[in-house]
C-alpha cells in the first residue's frame, strides 16, 4: 500500500473499555469531495473513494504505534488481499462526508479493516471491509506478524461487513481486453497499486453505462502481483446487473472481482 496523497491528520477516539475487554480505537476524518476526485458525471471515482479509505486506514495504524519504522523500514509491506464494499448511492462533487475506520479482530496473518462513510445528515452511505496482510519485501511472501512483534488491537462490530468473503461466479456474455501495466500505476511496494485496478474496471464500462448506473457493491480479491510492463488480460462477464472481471498475466490469475450495478 502507499500513496503520496495527503489528507488532514485523523482524530482517534477511545470508546472506553471494561476490565478484560480489548481496546478498539476509531479514527474519523471529514472531507469535501473535490473536482479532481470526480468522474465525468461529478461523482467520486472508485479510485479516489478507495484512496480515502486506504489513507485513513494507514494513519489509524500509525496512530496505534505501527509506523514505517516497524514495517517498511524492516522490509515489511502492507498489502490489501481482499476488499468488499457496499454503497447506498454515489458520493457527489462538493459533498462533505465523514469517514470512520476501525480494526477488526485479527485472524493469524489477516488484519480486517472496516470503514464507513456518512453524509451530512448522518446517514451511512458506504461500508467496506479490507483484509490486510504483511509481505516480506525480498521473498514476496506473506509473513506471520507476531513473529515480528506486530499486533493490532481490534474487535468486530455488529454493523461490520463480513471479513470472510467469497468472489462469486457469474455466467453470461464475455469480452476480453488487454492492458499493459505502466509506471504510473505502480506504488511504493514495487507492483501495480491496488487502487489502479479500480481505474481498469471503470474503463471496461462505456460512458452510457456510467451515466445510467453506479457500482453499488463489489468484492475483489488480489491473487498475484502485477508488475511493470506485464500484459494483463481482463475478462469481463456480464449477467444482468452483475459483472465479474478476471485479470490474469500469462494465464496466471492475478485478481478477480464481482460488481453489482444499480440504476442512478
Foldseek 3Di string as FASTA:
>chain_A
DDDPDDDPQWDKDWPDDDPPDFTKIKTKDKDWAAPVQADPVQFRALLVVVVVVVVNVLSVLVVVPCHCVLAVVVQKDKDWFKKKKFFQDTHGHGWMKMKMKIWADDDFFWIKIKMWIAGPVRDTGMIMITIIGIAGLVVRHTDGVVVSVDDDTHHDDDPHDDNDDDADDDAADKDKDKDFAAPVQDDPSQFGDPSVVSVVVVVVDDPVLVVFKDFRMKMKGFDATHHHGFIKMWMWGDDPQKIKIWIDGPPHTGMIMITGIDTD
